[in-house]
Amino acid sequence: MNYRILIVDDEPDILEFVGYNLKKEGYQVETASNGREAVDKTLAWHPHLILLDAMMPIMDGYEACRLIRTTKGIDDTLVIFLTARGDENSQVRGFDAGADDYIAKPVQLKALSSHIRAVLKRKEHTGFDDGAIMVDSARHVVTKGGEEIILPRKEFNLLELLHSQPGRLFTREEIYDSVWGSEVVVGDRTIDVHIRNLRKKIGEDHIVTVKGVGYKYED
């Protein structure tokens, strides 16, 4: 997945240096210079992860993190504090605000990359925002750009299956067995109808047809 990372810091040199290196690693990168701008860009761009400084003008990182955690549609965005405030009280304050990780400056780029990969990997096991589409299996909810999409049970189960392994081709037989069950007899066009309905609701580009074989989900 081509993850989106928002870097938030009031020091232009930090934004340029960290942003340049994260882009080299294949991440999509946007920047913000204060907490207010960070919240606005998160609402508009839906980053997977935010690298957030603590002390900034207009709105500090702690307040921005709390606001993100209480705003529907972006409340599950990953937040890593990257700040010069490395004392214990500041770390506690960051985690209390809802941070997923806390890193004190200065930090080596390899260590920063390791923290980012670890946090992203943990999130992969609980569902992620793929192209602003999230499948929440626990709550049986699908959202697109923060807006909830109502899906019938079979459509949800079909999307959940394809979304669980982006890029993997699922054969028609695998889909029938997983979604309808091997003991249930359905018509040959049943899956095609459900796929067509899903495309209308989540967009045409996410579900790819491999003619004569099956379907796969793409970011």
N, C-alpha and C. Protein backbone atom coordinates (compact mmCIF):
# COMPACT_ATOMS: atom_id res chain seq x y z
N MET A 1 0.85 -1.19 0.00
CA MET A 1 0.00 0.00 0.00
C MET A 1 0.88 1.24 0.00
N ASN A 2 0.46 2.24 -0.78
CA ASN A 2 1.20 3.49 -0.85
C ASN A 2 0.69 4.42 0.24
N TYR A 3 1.28 4.33 1.43
CA TYR A 3 0.76 5.04 2.59
C TYR A 3 0.93 6.56 2.47
N ARG A 4 -0.04 7.26 3.02
CA ARG A 4 -0.01 8.72 3.06
C ARG A 4 0.42 9.17 4.45
N ILE A 5 1.44 10.02 4.52
CA ILE A 5 1.96 10.51 5.79
C ILE A 5 1.94 12.02 5.80
N LEU A 6 1.35 12.59 6.84
CA LEU A 6 1.33 14.03 7.04
C LEU A 6 2.36 14.40 8.10
N ILE A 7 3.31 15.27 7.74
CA ILE A 7 4.34 15.73 8.68
C ILE A 7 3.94 17.12 9.17
N VAL A 8 3.90 17.28 10.48
CA VAL A 8 3.45 18.55 11.06
C VAL A 8 4.55 19.11 11.96
N ASP A 9 5.10 20.25 11.59
CA ASP A 9 6.18 20.87 12.36
C ASP A 9 6.28 22.32 11.95
N ASP A 10 6.65 23.20 12.89
CA ASP A 10 6.79 24.62 12.56
C ASP A 10 8.19 24.97 12.09
N GLU A 11 9.06 23.97 11.95
CA GLU A 11 10.41 24.21 11.44
C GLU A 11 10.48 23.72 9.99
N PRO A 12 10.62 24.63 9.03
CA PRO A 12 10.67 24.24 7.61
C PRO A 12 11.76 23.22 7.30
N ASP A 13 12.90 23.32 7.97
CA ASP A 13 14.00 22.38 7.71
C ASP A 13 13.59 20.95 8.05
N ILE A 14 12.84 20.79 9.14
CA ILE A 14 12.36 19.46 9.53
C ILE A 14 11.40 18.91 8.49
N LEU A 15 10.46 19.75 8.06
CA LEU A 15 9.49 19.32 7.06
C LEU A 15 10.19 18.89 5.78
N GLU A 16 11.17 19.67 5.35
CA GLU A 16 11.86 19.37 4.10
C GLU A 16 12.71 18.10 4.23
N PHE A 17 13.47 17.98 5.32
CA PHE A 17 14.39 16.85 5.47
C PHE A 17 13.64 15.54 5.66
N VAL A 18 12.69 15.51 6.60
CA VAL A 18 11.95 14.28 6.86
C VAL A 18 11.08 13.92 5.66
N GLY A 19 10.43 14.93 5.07
CA GLY A 19 9.58 14.69 3.92
C GLY A 19 10.35 14.10 2.75
N TYR A 20 11.52 14.66 2.48
CA TYR A 20 12.34 14.17 1.37
C TYR A 20 12.70 12.70 1.56
N ASN A 21 13.10 12.32 2.76
CA ASN A 21 13.52 10.95 3.01
C ASN A 21 12.34 9.97 3.02
N LEU A 22 11.19 10.40 3.50
CA LEU A 22 10.03 9.51 3.47
C LEU A 22 9.54 9.30 2.04
N LYS A 23 9.63 10.32 1.22
CA LYS A 23 9.27 10.16 -0.19
C LYS A 23 10.20 9.16 -0.87
N LYS A 24 11.48 9.20 -0.51
CA LYS A 24 12.44 8.24 -1.07
C LYS A 24 12.07 6.80 -0.71
N GLU A 25 11.39 6.63 0.44
CA GLU A 25 10.98 5.29 0.86
C GLU A 25 9.65 4.87 0.24
N GLY A 26 9.05 5.75 -0.55
CA GLY A 26 7.84 5.37 -1.27
C GLY A 26 6.55 5.88 -0.67
N TYR A 27 6.63 6.68 0.40
CA TYR A 27 5.42 7.22 1.01
C TYR A 27 4.94 8.47 0.25
N GLN A 28 3.62 8.68 0.25
CA GLN A 28 3.08 9.97 -0.17
C GLN A 28 3.17 10.92 1.03
N VAL A 29 3.62 12.13 0.80
CA VAL A 29 3.89 13.05 1.91
C VAL A 29 3.23 14.40 1.68
N GLU A 30 2.58 14.90 2.73
CA GLU A 30 2.11 16.29 2.78
C GLU A 30 2.63 16.89 4.09
N THR A 31 2.62 18.22 4.17
CA THR A 31 3.16 18.88 5.37
C THR A 31 2.17 19.93 5.88
N ALA A 32 2.34 20.26 7.17
CA ALA A 32 1.58 21.33 7.81
C ALA A 32 2.48 21.97 8.85
N SER A 33 2.23 23.25 9.17
CA SER A 33 3.14 23.97 10.06
C SER A 33 2.55 24.26 11.43
N ASN A 34 1.30 23.84 11.67
CA ASN A 34 0.70 24.01 12.99
C ASN A 34 -0.45 23.02 13.16
N GLY A 35 -0.95 22.91 14.38
CA GLY A 35 -1.96 21.92 14.67
C GLY A 35 -3.28 22.15 13.95
N ARG A 36 -3.68 23.42 13.80
CA ARG A 36 -4.93 23.73 13.11
C ARG A 36 -4.87 23.28 11.65
N GLU A 37 -3.75 23.60 11.01
CA GLU A 37 -3.56 23.19 9.62
C GLU A 37 -3.51 21.67 9.52
N ALA A 38 -2.93 21.02 10.53
CA ALA A 38 -2.86 19.55 10.53
C ALA A 38 -4.25 18.92 10.54
N VAL A 39 -5.14 19.45 11.38
CA VAL A 39 -6.50 18.92 11.44
C VAL A 39 -7.22 19.14 10.12
N ASP A 40 -7.08 20.32 9.54
CA ASP A 40 -7.74 20.62 8.27
C ASP A 40 -7.24 19.70 7.16
N LYS A 41 -5.93 19.48 7.11
CA LYS A 41 -5.38 18.62 6.06
C LYS A 41 -5.76 17.16 6.28
N THR A 42 -5.87 16.76 7.54
CA THR A 42 -6.29 15.40 7.83
C THR A 42 -7.72 15.17 7.35
N LEU A 43 -8.59 16.13 7.56
CA LEU A 43 -9.98 16.03 7.09
C LEU A 43 -10.04 15.97 5.56
N ALA A 44 -9.17 16.71 4.91
CA ALA A 44 -9.23 16.79 3.45
C ALA A 44 -8.48 15.66 2.75
N TRP A 45 -7.36 15.22 3.34
CA TRP A 45 -6.45 14.31 2.65
C TRP A 45 -6.50 12.88 3.19
N HIS A 46 -6.99 12.71 4.39
CA HIS A 46 -7.09 11.40 5.04
C HIS A 46 -5.75 10.64 5.04
N PRO A 47 -4.74 11.20 5.69
CA PRO A 47 -3.47 10.46 5.78
C PRO A 47 -3.63 9.21 6.63
N HIS A 48 -2.80 8.21 6.34
CA HIS A 48 -2.79 7.02 7.19
C HIS A 48 -2.10 7.31 8.52
N LEU A 49 -1.10 8.19 8.49
CA LEU A 49 -0.29 8.45 9.68
C LEU A 49 0.14 9.90 9.72
N ILE A 50 0.21 10.47 10.93
CA ILE A 50 0.67 11.83 11.13
C ILE A 50 1.91 11.82 12.02
N LEU A 51 2.97 12.48 11.57
CA LEU A 51 4.13 12.76 12.42
C LEU A 51 3.91 14.16 12.98
N LEU A 52 3.74 14.27 14.29
CA LEU A 52 3.22 15.49 14.90
C LEU A 52 4.17 16.09 15.93
N ASP A 53 4.57 17.32 15.70
CA ASP A 53 5.36 18.05 16.70
C ASP A 53 4.45 18.47 17.85
N ALA A 54 5.03 18.69 19.01
CA ALA A 54 4.22 19.05 20.18
C ALA A 54 3.99 20.55 20.28
N MET A 55 5.07 21.34 20.28
CA MET A 55 4.96 22.78 20.51
C MET A 55 4.97 23.53 19.18
N MET A 56 3.82 24.12 18.83
CA MET A 56 3.67 24.85 17.57
C MET A 56 2.72 26.03 17.80
N PRO A 57 2.78 27.02 16.94
CA PRO A 57 1.87 28.17 17.07
C PRO A 57 0.44 27.80 16.67
N ILE A 58 -0.50 28.67 17.01
CA ILE A 58 -1.93 28.57 16.66
C ILE A 58 -2.61 27.43 17.41
N MET A 59 -2.13 26.20 17.21
CA MET A 59 -2.64 25.05 17.95
C MET A 59 -1.50 24.06 18.14
N ASP A 60 -1.22 23.67 19.40
CA ASP A 60 -0.11 22.75 19.62
C ASP A 60 -0.50 21.32 19.24
N GLY A 61 0.49 20.43 19.26
CA GLY A 61 0.26 19.06 18.85
C GLY A 61 -0.68 18.28 19.74
N TYR A 62 -0.63 18.56 21.04
CA TYR A 62 -1.49 17.83 21.98
C TYR A 62 -2.97 18.14 21.70
N GLU A 63 -3.26 19.41 21.51
CA GLU A 63 -4.65 19.79 21.23
C GLU A 63 -5.10 19.24 19.88
N ALA A 64 -4.19 19.29 18.89
CA ALA A 64 -4.52 18.76 17.57
C ALA A 64 -4.82 17.27 17.64
N CYS A 65 -4.02 16.54 18.39
CA CYS A 65 -4.22 15.10 18.52
C CYS A 65 -5.57 14.80 19.18
N ARG A 66 -5.89 15.53 20.25
CA ARG A 66 -7.18 15.33 20.91
C ARG A 66 -8.34 15.62 19.97
N LEU A 67 -8.19 16.66 19.15
CA LEU A 67 -9.26 17.01 18.21
C LEU A 67 -9.43 15.95 17.14
N ILE A 68 -8.32 15.42 16.66
CA ILE A 68 -8.39 14.34 15.67
C ILE A 68 -9.07 13.11 16.26
N ARG A 69 -8.76 12.80 17.50
CA ARG A 69 -9.33 11.61 18.15
C ARG A 69 -10.83 11.75 18.42
N THR A 70 -11.35 12.96 18.41
CA THR A 70 -12.77 13.17 18.70
C THR A 70 -13.56 13.62 17.48
N THR A 71 -12.95 13.56 16.30
CA THR A 71 -13.62 13.98 15.06
C THR A 71 -13.96 12.77 14.21
N LYS A 72 -15.23 12.56 13.96
CA LYS A 72 -15.67 11.40 13.19
C LYS A 72 -15.06 11.42 11.79
N GLY A 73 -14.59 10.26 11.38
CA GLY A 73 -14.01 10.11 10.05
C GLY A 73 -12.51 10.15 10.04
N ILE A 74 -11.90 10.80 11.06
CA ILE A 74 -10.43 10.84 11.14
C ILE A 74 -9.95 10.35 12.50
N ASP A 75 -10.87 9.89 13.35
CA ASP A 75 -10.51 9.53 14.72
C ASP A 75 -9.62 8.32 14.82
N ASP A 76 -9.49 7.53 13.72
CA ASP A 76 -8.63 6.36 13.75
C ASP A 76 -7.29 6.60 13.03
N THR A 77 -7.02 7.86 12.64
CA THR A 77 -5.75 8.18 12.00
C THR A 77 -4.60 7.93 12.97
N LEU A 78 -3.55 7.28 12.51
CA LEU A 78 -2.40 7.02 13.36
C LEU A 78 -1.63 8.31 13.64
N VAL A 79 -1.19 8.48 14.88
CA VAL A 79 -0.45 9.69 15.27
C VAL A 79 0.82 9.28 16.01
N ILE A 80 1.95 9.74 15.50
CA ILE A 80 3.24 9.58 16.17
C ILE A 80 3.77 10.98 16.50
N PHE A 81 3.97 11.25 17.78
CA PHE A 81 4.61 12.51 18.15
C PHE A 81 6.10 12.43 17.84
N LEU A 82 6.60 13.44 17.13
CA LEU A 82 8.02 13.57 16.84
C LEU A 82 8.42 14.96 17.31
N THR A 83 9.02 15.03 18.50
CA THR A 83 9.20 16.32 19.16
C THR A 83 10.45 16.34 20.03
N ALA A 84 10.95 17.55 20.27
CA ALA A 84 12.11 17.71 21.14
C ALA A 84 11.76 17.56 22.61
N ARG A 85 10.48 17.55 22.94
CA ARG A 85 10.05 17.40 24.34
C ARG A 85 10.03 15.91 24.69
N GLY A 86 11.16 15.45 25.22
CA GLY A 86 11.30 14.03 25.49
C GLY A 86 11.13 13.63 26.94
N ASP A 87 10.77 14.57 27.82
CA ASP A 87 10.62 14.24 29.23
C ASP A 87 9.38 13.37 29.45
N GLU A 88 9.36 12.71 30.59
CA GLU A 88 8.29 11.76 30.87
C GLU A 88 6.91 12.40 30.89
N ASN A 89 6.79 13.58 31.48
CA ASN A 89 5.50 14.24 31.55
C ASN A 89 4.95 14.57 30.16
N SER A 90 5.84 14.99 29.26
CA SER A 90 5.40 15.30 27.90
C SER A 90 4.95 14.04 27.17
N GLN A 91 5.66 12.94 27.39
CA GLN A 91 5.27 11.68 26.77
C GLN A 91 3.90 11.22 27.29
N VAL A 92 3.71 11.31 28.59
CA VAL A 92 2.41 10.94 29.16
C VAL A 92 1.30 11.80 28.58
N ARG A 93 1.59 13.09 28.46
CA ARG A 93 0.60 14.01 27.89
C ARG A 93 0.26 13.63 26.45
N GLY A 94 1.27 13.22 25.70
CA GLY A 94 1.05 12.81 24.31
C GLY A 94 0.19 11.57 24.22
N PHE A 95 0.51 10.56 25.03
CA PHE A 95 -0.28 9.33 24.99
C PHE A 95 -1.70 9.57 25.51
N ASP A 96 -1.83 10.44 26.50
CA ASP A 96 -3.17 10.77 26.99
C ASP A 96 -4.02 11.46 25.92
N ALA A 97 -3.35 12.20 25.04
CA ALA A 97 -4.07 12.87 23.95
C ALA A 97 -4.50 11.90 22.86
N GLY A 98 -3.90 10.69 22.87
CA GLY A 98 -4.30 9.67 21.90
C GLY A 98 -3.22 9.22 20.95
N ALA A 99 -1.95 9.53 21.26
CA ALA A 99 -0.86 9.15 20.37
C ALA A 99 -0.70 7.63 20.31
N ASP A 100 -0.26 7.15 19.14
CA ASP A 100 0.07 5.74 18.97
C ASP A 100 1.53 5.46 19.30
N ASP A 101 2.37 6.49 19.22
CA ASP A 101 3.78 6.34 19.54
C ASP A 101 4.33 7.73 19.84
N TYR A 102 5.50 7.78 20.49
CA TYR A 102 6.09 9.05 20.88
C TYR A 102 7.60 8.94 20.70
N ILE A 103 8.16 9.81 19.87
CA ILE A 103 9.59 9.76 19.55
C ILE A 103 10.20 11.12 19.90
N ALA A 104 11.30 11.09 20.63
CA ALA A 104 11.99 12.33 20.99
C ALA A 104 13.06 12.65 19.95
N LYS A 105 13.13 13.93 19.55
CA LYS A 105 14.21 14.41 18.69
C LYS A 105 15.46 14.61 19.54
N PRO A 106 16.65 14.49 18.95
CA PRO A 106 16.87 14.05 17.57
C PRO A 106 16.74 12.53 17.45
N VAL A 107 16.40 12.05 16.25
CA VAL A 107 16.25 10.63 16.02
C VAL A 107 16.89 10.29 14.67
N GLN A 108 17.54 9.15 14.62
CA GLN A 108 18.13 8.69 13.37
C GLN A 108 17.02 8.29 12.41
N LEU A 109 17.25 8.54 11.13
CA LEU A 109 16.22 8.23 10.13
C LEU A 109 15.85 6.76 10.11
N LYS A 110 16.82 5.88 10.30
CA LYS A 110 16.52 4.45 10.31
C LYS A 110 15.59 4.10 11.47
N ALA A 111 15.82 4.73 12.62
CA ALA A 111 14.97 4.47 13.78
C ALA A 111 13.57 5.02 13.55
N LEU A 112 13.48 6.21 12.96
CA LEU A 112 12.18 6.79 12.65
C LEU A 112 11.41 5.90 11.68
N SER A 113 12.08 5.43 10.65
CA SER A 113 11.43 4.55 9.68
C SER A 113 10.95 3.27 10.33
N SER A 114 11.73 2.77 11.27
CA SER A 114 11.34 1.55 11.98
C SER A 114 10.09 1.76 12.80
N HIS A 115 10.01 2.89 13.49
CA HIS A 115 8.81 3.22 14.27
C HIS A 115 7.58 3.32 13.36
N ILE A 116 7.76 4.00 12.23
CA ILE A 116 6.64 4.17 11.29
C ILE A 116 6.15 2.82 10.79
N ARG A 117 7.08 1.97 10.37
CA ARG A 117 6.68 0.65 9.86
C ARG A 117 5.97 -0.17 10.93
N ALA A 118 6.46 -0.10 12.15
CA ALA A 118 5.86 -0.89 13.24
C ALA A 118 4.43 -0.44 13.52
N VAL A 119 4.20 0.88 13.56
CA VAL A 119 2.86 1.38 13.83
C VAL A 119 1.92 1.05 12.69
N LEU A 120 2.38 1.20 11.45
CA LEU A 120 1.55 0.86 10.30
C LEU A 120 1.22 -0.62 10.27
N LYS A 121 2.20 -1.45 10.62
CA LYS A 121 1.97 -2.89 10.61
C LYS A 121 0.93 -3.30 11.64
N ARG A 122 0.98 -2.67 12.83
CA ARG A 122 -0.03 -2.98 13.85
C ARG A 122 -1.42 -2.62 13.35
N LYS A 123 -1.51 -1.51 12.64
CA LYS A 123 -2.81 -1.06 12.16
C LYS A 123 -3.36 -1.97 11.08
N GLU A 124 -2.48 -2.57 10.30
CA GLU A 124 -2.93 -3.43 9.21
C GLU A 124 -3.79 -4.58 9.71
N HIS A 125 -3.56 -5.01 10.96
CA HIS A 125 -4.29 -6.16 11.50
C HIS A 125 -5.69 -5.79 11.98
N THR A 126 -6.01 -4.50 12.04
CA THR A 126 -7.33 -4.09 12.54
C THR A 126 -8.15 -3.33 11.50
N GLY A 127 -7.62 -3.26 10.30
CA GLY A 127 -8.36 -2.57 9.24
C GLY A 127 -7.75 -1.21 8.96
N PHE A 128 -7.70 -0.87 7.68
CA PHE A 128 -7.06 0.37 7.31
C PHE A 128 -7.85 1.10 6.27
N ASP A 129 -7.59 2.38 6.22
CA ASP A 129 -8.22 3.23 5.24
C ASP A 129 -7.50 3.07 3.92
N ASP A 130 -8.12 2.33 2.98
CA ASP A 130 -7.53 2.12 1.66
C ASP A 130 -8.20 3.06 0.67
N GLY A 131 -7.46 4.07 0.21
CA GLY A 131 -8.07 5.01 -0.71
C GLY A 131 -9.27 5.67 -0.10
N ALA A 132 -9.21 6.00 1.19
CA ALA A 132 -10.30 6.62 1.95
C ALA A 132 -11.48 5.67 2.14
N ILE A 133 -11.27 4.36 1.90
CA ILE A 133 -12.30 3.36 2.17
C ILE A 133 -11.83 2.48 3.32
N MET A 134 -12.65 2.39 4.36
CA MET A 134 -12.31 1.56 5.51
C MET A 134 -13.37 0.50 5.71
N VAL A 135 -12.91 -0.72 5.97
CA VAL A 135 -13.80 -1.83 6.30
C VAL A 135 -13.55 -2.19 7.76
N ASP A 136 -14.51 -1.93 8.60
CA ASP A 136 -14.43 -2.22 10.03
C ASP A 136 -15.21 -3.50 10.29
N SER A 137 -14.49 -4.62 10.36
CA SER A 137 -15.15 -5.92 10.52
C SER A 137 -15.84 -6.06 11.87
N ALA A 138 -15.24 -5.48 12.90
CA ALA A 138 -15.80 -5.62 14.24
C ALA A 138 -17.17 -4.95 14.35
N ARG A 139 -17.31 -3.78 13.72
CA ARG A 139 -18.58 -3.04 13.80
C ARG A 139 -19.47 -3.24 12.58
N HIS A 140 -18.95 -4.00 11.61
CA HIS A 140 -19.71 -4.29 10.39
C HIS A 140 -20.07 -2.98 9.67
N VAL A 141 -19.06 -2.10 9.51
CA VAL A 141 -19.27 -0.78 8.94
C VAL A 141 -18.23 -0.52 7.84
N VAL A 142 -18.66 0.11 6.76
CA VAL A 142 -17.77 0.56 5.70
C VAL A 142 -17.88 2.08 5.61
N THR A 143 -16.74 2.75 5.53
CA THR A 143 -16.75 4.20 5.35
C THR A 143 -15.92 4.57 4.14
N LYS A 144 -16.32 5.63 3.47
CA LYS A 144 -15.58 6.20 2.34
C LYS A 144 -15.42 7.68 2.58
N GLY A 145 -14.17 8.11 2.73
CA GLY A 145 -13.92 9.51 3.02
C GLY A 145 -14.56 9.96 4.31
N GLY A 146 -14.69 9.03 5.27
CA GLY A 146 -15.28 9.35 6.55
C GLY A 146 -16.79 9.22 6.58
N GLU A 147 -17.42 9.00 5.42
CA GLU A 147 -18.87 8.86 5.35
C GLU A 147 -19.25 7.39 5.34
N GLU A 148 -20.21 7.03 6.17
CA GLU A 148 -20.62 5.63 6.27
C GLU A 148 -21.43 5.21 5.04
N ILE A 149 -21.11 4.00 4.54
CA ILE A 149 -21.83 3.42 3.40
C ILE A 149 -22.64 2.24 3.92
N ILE A 150 -23.91 2.23 3.63
CA ILE A 150 -24.78 1.14 4.05
C ILE A 150 -24.71 0.01 3.02
N LEU A 151 -24.29 -1.16 3.46
CA LEU A 151 -24.19 -2.32 2.57
C LEU A 151 -25.03 -3.47 3.13
N PRO A 152 -25.77 -4.16 2.26
CA PRO A 152 -26.41 -5.41 2.69
C PRO A 152 -25.35 -6.42 3.11
N ARG A 153 -25.77 -7.43 3.85
CA ARG A 153 -24.82 -8.36 4.47
C ARG A 153 -23.90 -9.04 3.45
N LYS A 154 -24.45 -9.53 2.36
CA LYS A 154 -23.62 -10.24 1.38
C LYS A 154 -22.64 -9.30 0.69
N GLU A 155 -23.07 -8.08 0.40
CA GLU A 155 -22.14 -7.12 -0.20
C GLU A 155 -21.02 -6.78 0.77
N PHE A 156 -21.36 -6.60 2.05
CA PHE A 156 -20.32 -6.33 3.04
C PHE A 156 -19.34 -7.50 3.12
N ASN A 157 -19.86 -8.73 3.19
CA ASN A 157 -18.98 -9.91 3.29
C ASN A 157 -18.08 -10.04 2.07
N LEU A 158 -18.61 -9.71 0.90
CA LEU A 158 -17.81 -9.78 -0.32
C LEU A 158 -16.70 -8.75 -0.30
N LEU A 159 -17.04 -7.50 0.06
CA LEU A 159 -16.01 -6.46 0.14
C LEU A 159 -14.99 -6.78 1.22
N GLU A 160 -15.45 -7.28 2.36
CA GLU A 160 -14.55 -7.63 3.45
C GLU A 160 -13.53 -8.67 2.99
N LEU A 161 -13.97 -9.67 2.24
CA LEU A 161 -13.07 -10.71 1.74
C LEU A 161 -12.03 -10.13 0.80
N LEU A 162 -12.46 -9.38 -0.21
CA LEU A 162 -11.52 -8.82 -1.19
C LEU A 162 -10.57 -7.82 -0.54
N HIS A 163 -11.10 -7.00 0.36
CA HIS A 163 -10.33 -5.95 1.03
C HIS A 163 -9.30 -6.52 2.00
N SER A 164 -9.53 -7.75 2.46
CA SER A 164 -8.63 -8.35 3.46
C SER A 164 -7.23 -8.60 2.91
N GLN A 165 -7.10 -8.75 1.59
CA GLN A 165 -5.79 -9.00 0.98
C GLN A 165 -5.70 -8.23 -0.33
N PRO A 166 -5.44 -6.92 -0.26
CA PRO A 166 -5.37 -6.12 -1.48
C PRO A 166 -4.36 -6.68 -2.47
N GLY A 167 -4.77 -6.74 -3.74
CA GLY A 167 -3.88 -7.24 -4.78
C GLY A 167 -3.98 -8.72 -5.03
N ARG A 168 -4.57 -9.46 -4.08
CA ARG A 168 -4.70 -10.91 -4.27
C ARG A 168 -5.92 -11.22 -5.13
N LEU A 169 -5.74 -12.12 -6.09
CA LEU A 169 -6.84 -12.55 -6.94
C LEU A 169 -7.62 -13.66 -6.26
N PHE A 170 -8.91 -13.41 -6.02
CA PHE A 170 -9.80 -14.43 -5.48
C PHE A 170 -10.60 -15.04 -6.63
N THR A 171 -10.55 -16.36 -6.75
CA THR A 171 -11.32 -17.02 -7.79
C THR A 171 -12.81 -16.96 -7.44
N ARG A 172 -13.63 -17.16 -8.45
CA ARG A 172 -15.07 -17.16 -8.22
C ARG A 172 -15.46 -18.25 -7.23
N GLU A 173 -14.78 -19.38 -7.32
CA GLU A 173 -15.08 -20.49 -6.40
C GLU A 173 -14.75 -20.11 -4.96
N GLU A 174 -13.61 -19.45 -4.75
CA GLU A 174 -13.24 -19.02 -3.40
C GLU A 174 -14.26 -18.03 -2.85
N ILE A 175 -14.71 -17.13 -3.70
CA ILE A 175 -15.68 -16.12 -3.26
C ILE A 175 -17.00 -16.77 -2.90
N TYR A 176 -17.48 -17.67 -3.76
CA TYR A 176 -18.74 -18.36 -3.46
C TYR A 176 -18.65 -19.10 -2.14
N ASP A 177 -17.55 -19.84 -1.94
CA ASP A 177 -17.41 -20.64 -0.72
C ASP A 177 -17.36 -19.75 0.52
N SER A 178 -16.63 -18.63 0.43
CA SER A 178 -16.45 -17.78 1.60
C SER A 178 -17.69 -16.95 1.92
N VAL A 179 -18.35 -16.43 0.89
CA VAL A 179 -19.45 -15.49 1.11
C VAL A 179 -20.80 -16.20 1.19
N TRP A 180 -21.01 -17.18 0.33
CA TRP A 180 -22.30 -17.86 0.31
C TRP A 180 -22.27 -19.24 0.96
N GLY A 181 -21.08 -19.85 1.04
CA GLY A 181 -20.98 -21.18 1.62
C GLY A 181 -21.08 -22.25 0.55
N SER A 182 -20.30 -23.28 0.72
CA SER A 182 -20.21 -24.32 -0.31
C SER A 182 -21.51 -25.10 -0.47
N GLU A 183 -22.38 -25.04 0.53
CA GLU A 183 -23.62 -25.81 0.47
C GLU A 183 -24.77 -25.02 -0.14
N VAL A 184 -24.54 -23.73 -0.42
CA VAL A 184 -25.60 -22.89 -0.96
C VAL A 184 -25.47 -22.81 -2.48
N VAL A 185 -26.56 -23.06 -3.17
CA VAL A 185 -26.57 -23.00 -4.63
C VAL A 185 -27.08 -21.64 -5.06
N VAL A 186 -26.26 -20.92 -5.82
CA VAL A 186 -26.66 -19.61 -6.33
C VAL A 186 -26.41 -19.57 -7.83
N GLY A 187 -27.05 -18.63 -8.50
CA GLY A 187 -26.89 -18.50 -9.94
C GLY A 187 -25.52 -18.00 -10.33
N ASP A 188 -25.14 -18.26 -11.59
CA ASP A 188 -23.82 -17.88 -12.06
C ASP A 188 -23.60 -16.37 -12.04
N ARG A 189 -24.67 -15.59 -12.16
CA ARG A 189 -24.53 -14.15 -12.23
C ARG A 189 -24.64 -13.47 -10.88
N THR A 190 -24.85 -14.23 -9.82
CA THR A 190 -25.06 -13.64 -8.50
C THR A 190 -23.88 -12.77 -8.08
N ILE A 191 -22.68 -13.31 -8.21
CA ILE A 191 -21.50 -12.55 -7.79
C ILE A 191 -21.32 -11.29 -8.63
N ASP A 192 -21.64 -11.38 -9.93
CA ASP A 192 -21.48 -10.23 -10.82
C ASP A 192 -22.42 -9.09 -10.42
N VAL A 193 -23.61 -9.43 -10.01
CA VAL A 193 -24.58 -8.43 -9.57
C VAL A 193 -24.08 -7.73 -8.32
N HIS A 194 -23.55 -8.51 -7.37
CA HIS A 194 -23.05 -7.93 -6.12
C HIS A 194 -21.83 -7.04 -6.38
N ILE A 195 -20.95 -7.48 -7.28
CA ILE A 195 -19.78 -6.66 -7.62
C ILE A 195 -20.22 -5.35 -8.26
N ARG A 196 -21.20 -5.41 -9.15
CA ARG A 196 -21.69 -4.20 -9.80
C ARG A 196 -22.28 -3.23 -8.77
N ASN A 197 -23.02 -3.76 -7.82
CA ASN A 197 -23.60 -2.91 -6.77
C ASN A 197 -22.51 -2.27 -5.91
N LEU A 198 -21.48 -3.06 -5.57
CA LEU A 198 -20.38 -2.52 -4.77
C LEU A 198 -19.66 -1.39 -5.51
N ARG A 199 -19.42 -1.57 -6.78
CA ARG A 199 -18.72 -0.54 -7.55
C ARG A 199 -19.50 0.77 -7.58
N LYS A 200 -20.80 0.68 -7.62
CA LYS A 200 -21.62 1.88 -7.61
C LYS A 200 -21.45 2.63 -6.29
N LYS A 201 -21.20 1.90 -5.21
CA LYS A 201 -21.17 2.51 -3.88
C LYS A 201 -19.77 2.96 -3.44
N ILE A 202 -18.73 2.21 -3.84
CA ILE A 202 -17.38 2.55 -3.38
C ILE A 202 -16.49 3.12 -4.48
N GLY A 203 -16.99 3.09 -5.72
CA GLY A 203 -16.18 3.57 -6.84
C GLY A 203 -15.80 2.43 -7.77
N GLU A 204 -15.56 2.79 -9.02
CA GLU A 204 -15.32 1.79 -10.06
C GLU A 204 -13.91 1.20 -10.04
N ASP A 205 -12.96 1.90 -9.40
CA ASP A 205 -11.55 1.54 -9.58
C ASP A 205 -11.01 0.52 -8.58
N HIS A 206 -11.74 0.26 -7.51
CA HIS A 206 -11.17 -0.57 -6.44
C HIS A 206 -11.26 -2.07 -6.71
N ILE A 207 -12.32 -2.51 -7.34
CA ILE A 207 -12.51 -3.94 -7.59
C ILE A 207 -12.21 -4.23 -9.04
N VAL A 208 -11.21 -5.06 -9.27
CA VAL A 208 -10.72 -5.36 -10.62
C VAL A 208 -11.20 -6.75 -11.04
N THR A 209 -11.73 -6.84 -12.24
CA THR A 209 -12.16 -8.12 -12.80
C THR A 209 -11.03 -8.76 -13.57
N VAL A 210 -10.74 -10.01 -13.28
CA VAL A 210 -9.82 -10.81 -14.09
C VAL A 210 -10.69 -11.80 -14.85
N LYS A 211 -10.91 -11.53 -16.10
CA LYS A 211 -11.92 -12.24 -16.89
C LYS A 211 -11.71 -13.75 -16.86
N GLY A 212 -12.78 -14.44 -16.53
CA GLY A 212 -12.75 -15.89 -16.52
C GLY A 212 -12.14 -16.51 -15.28
N VAL A 213 -11.65 -15.66 -14.36
CA VAL A 213 -10.98 -16.19 -13.16
C VAL A 213 -11.67 -15.70 -11.88
N GLY A 214 -11.71 -14.37 -11.67
CA GLY A 214 -12.28 -13.85 -10.43
C GLY A 214 -12.08 -12.36 -10.29
N TYR A 215 -11.88 -11.93 -9.02
CA TYR A 215 -11.80 -10.49 -8.73
C TYR A 215 -10.71 -10.25 -7.69
N LYS A 216 -10.22 -8.99 -7.68
CA LYS A 216 -9.26 -8.58 -6.65
C LYS A 216 -9.51 -7.12 -6.30
N TYR A 217 -9.09 -6.76 -5.09
CA TYR A 217 -9.23 -5.39 -4.61
C TYR A 217 -7.91 -4.65 -4.78
N GLU A 218 -7.96 -3.45 -5.34
CA GLU A 218 -6.77 -2.62 -5.50
C GLU A 218 -6.93 -1.32 -4.74
N ASP A 219 -5.82 -0.81 -4.17
CA ASP A 219 -5.85 0.46 -3.47
C ASP A 219 -6.11 1.58 -4.46
